[in-house]
Structure formats: structure tokens, C-alpha cells
Protein backbone atom coordinates (compact mmCIF):
# COMPACT_ATOMS: atom_id res chain seq x y z
CA MET A 1 0.00 0.00 0.00
CA TYR A 2 1.01 3.61 -0.53
CA GLY A 3 -0.17 6.79 1.16
CA SER A 4 0.65 9.50 3.61
CA VAL A 5 1.03 10.19 7.29
CA PHE A 6 0.11 13.81 7.89
CA ARG A 7 -0.08 16.37 10.67
CA MET A 8 -2.50 19.30 10.67
CA LYS A 9 -2.74 22.20 13.11
CA PRO A 10 -6.30 23.59 13.18
CA LYS A 11 -6.81 27.29 13.73
CA PRO A 12 -8.10 28.14 17.22
CA GLY A 13 -11.70 27.01 17.46
CA ALA A 14 -11.59 25.15 14.13
CA ARG A 15 -10.82 21.59 15.32
CA ASP A 16 -14.40 20.40 14.84
CA ALA A 17 -14.54 21.94 11.35
CA VAL A 18 -11.32 20.16 10.36
CA LEU A 19 -12.64 16.84 11.64
CA GLN A 20 -15.94 17.42 9.82
CA ASP A 21 -14.05 18.20 6.61
CA THR A 22 -12.10 14.95 6.87
CA GLU A 23 -15.28 12.98 7.54
CA GLN A 24 -16.96 14.75 4.61
CA TRP A 25 -14.14 13.62 2.32
CA TYR A 26 -14.79 10.01 3.27
CA LYS A 27 -18.56 10.31 2.76
CA GLU A 28 -18.47 12.33 -0.47
CA ARG A 29 -15.27 11.26 -2.20
CA GLY A 30 -13.77 8.24 -0.49
CA LYS A 31 -16.26 5.71 -1.77
CA ASP A 32 -15.68 6.85 -5.37
CA VAL A 33 -11.91 7.38 -5.40
CA PRO A 34 -10.25 4.44 -7.19
CA GLY A 35 -7.62 2.79 -5.05
CA PHE A 36 -8.59 4.40 -1.74
CA VAL A 37 -8.37 1.85 1.08
CA ALA A 38 -8.82 3.60 4.44
CA SER A 39 -7.88 6.58 6.56
CA TYR A 40 -7.51 7.19 10.29
CA ALA A 41 -7.13 10.32 12.41
CA LEU A 42 -5.68 10.84 15.86
CA GLU A 43 -6.62 13.91 17.89
CA ALA A 44 -3.35 14.63 19.68
CA ALA A 45 -3.30 16.11 23.18
CA ASN A 46 -1.65 19.29 21.80
CA GLY A 47 -4.61 19.91 19.42
CA ASP A 48 -2.91 18.67 16.26
CA ILE A 49 -4.64 16.11 14.08
CA ILE A 50 -2.38 13.34 12.90
CA GLY A 51 -3.74 11.14 10.17
CA VAL A 52 -2.89 8.38 7.79
CA ALA A 53 -4.40 7.68 4.37
CA PHE A 54 -3.93 4.37 2.56
CA PHE A 55 -4.23 3.75 -1.17
CA GLU A 56 -3.70 0.53 -3.12
CA ASN A 57 -0.56 1.91 -4.77
CA GLU A 58 1.33 5.09 -5.59
CA GLU A 59 -0.44 5.52 -8.93
CA THR A 60 -3.91 5.71 -7.36
CA TYR A 61 -2.58 7.99 -4.60
CA ARG A 62 -1.07 10.41 -7.13
CA ARG A 63 -4.15 10.28 -9.35
CA ASN A 64 -6.31 11.35 -6.41
CA ALA A 65 -3.85 14.12 -5.48
CA ALA A 66 -4.09 15.52 -9.03
CA ASP A 67 -7.90 15.41 -9.16
CA PRO A 68 -9.61 18.86 -9.22
CA GLY A 69 -12.24 17.57 -6.78
CA GLN A 70 -9.50 16.71 -4.32
CA ASP A 71 -8.02 20.19 -4.65
CA ALA A 72 -11.43 21.83 -4.05
CA TRP A 73 -11.87 19.78 -0.88
CA TYR A 74 -8.31 20.58 0.24
CA GLN A 75 -8.85 24.34 -0.21
CA ARG A 76 -11.89 24.18 2.11
CA LEU A 77 -9.89 22.20 4.66
CA ARG A 78 -6.85 24.49 4.39
CA ALA A 79 -8.96 27.53 5.31
CA ASN A 80 -9.31 26.04 8.82
CA LEU A 81 -5.61 25.26 9.32
CA GLU A 82 -2.86 27.49 10.68
CA ALA A 83 -0.42 26.26 8.01
CA ASP A 84 -0.16 23.69 5.25
CA PRO A 85 -0.25 20.14 6.60
CA GLU A 86 3.00 18.26 7.00
CA TRP A 87 2.87 15.36 4.50
CA ASN A 88 5.00 12.23 4.68
CA ASP A 89 4.26 10.12 1.60
CA GLY A 90 5.56 6.64 1.07
CA LEU A 91 5.14 2.91 0.86
CA PHE A 92 3.51 1.29 3.90
CA ARG A 93 4.77 -1.94 5.39
CA THR A 94 2.56 -3.97 7.69
CA TRP A 95 3.29 -6.41 10.47
CA HIS A 96 0.60 -8.26 12.35
CA LYS A 97 0.51 -10.27 15.51
């Protein structure tokens, strides 16, 4: 799998809006984005939101990133953040018990 681990810092008072935006992506886009597997978010004690998004492979990840619908969603999300998210893209490895 391929994807990103990301960190976002919501503007003061905008945490709920950021979380709603991420949930909206899943409801409105996630089910229709080829190659999307799953995403998770952690609400850190310092107020940051740390997330991970999984895609089947790098090609489907990059295709989604280049989609105008993805950019429109991102611009709405970005309006509620103090700065651009920190993105860490790469190939995921999994180990299970």
C-alpha cells in the first residue's frame, strides 16, 4: 500500500470543522476514489490532528492528489488550518501479531 502520514494544526476554534471536513471527504469522495483503502485520524493532546491515508498503490494515490475535486476539498480544509499540513508520503509496510 502507498499513502501518507500527515499532521495538521487547526486554527483556534476550528478543530471540529477540520474533523468534519475529513469525515466529509470520506462520505463524499472516499467511496468513489479508485484505489482508496482507508484513513484514520488521531486527535493529539496538543490539538494537532495526525492522520494516515492508505491507497492501493502510488499511482492511485497520485491520481487522487491531481484530481480537481481533491483540490477543491483541500482548499476548504486548508482555510481552517494554521499552516499547510505536514505530509509524509511513502510505501507502507505492515506487520501483524
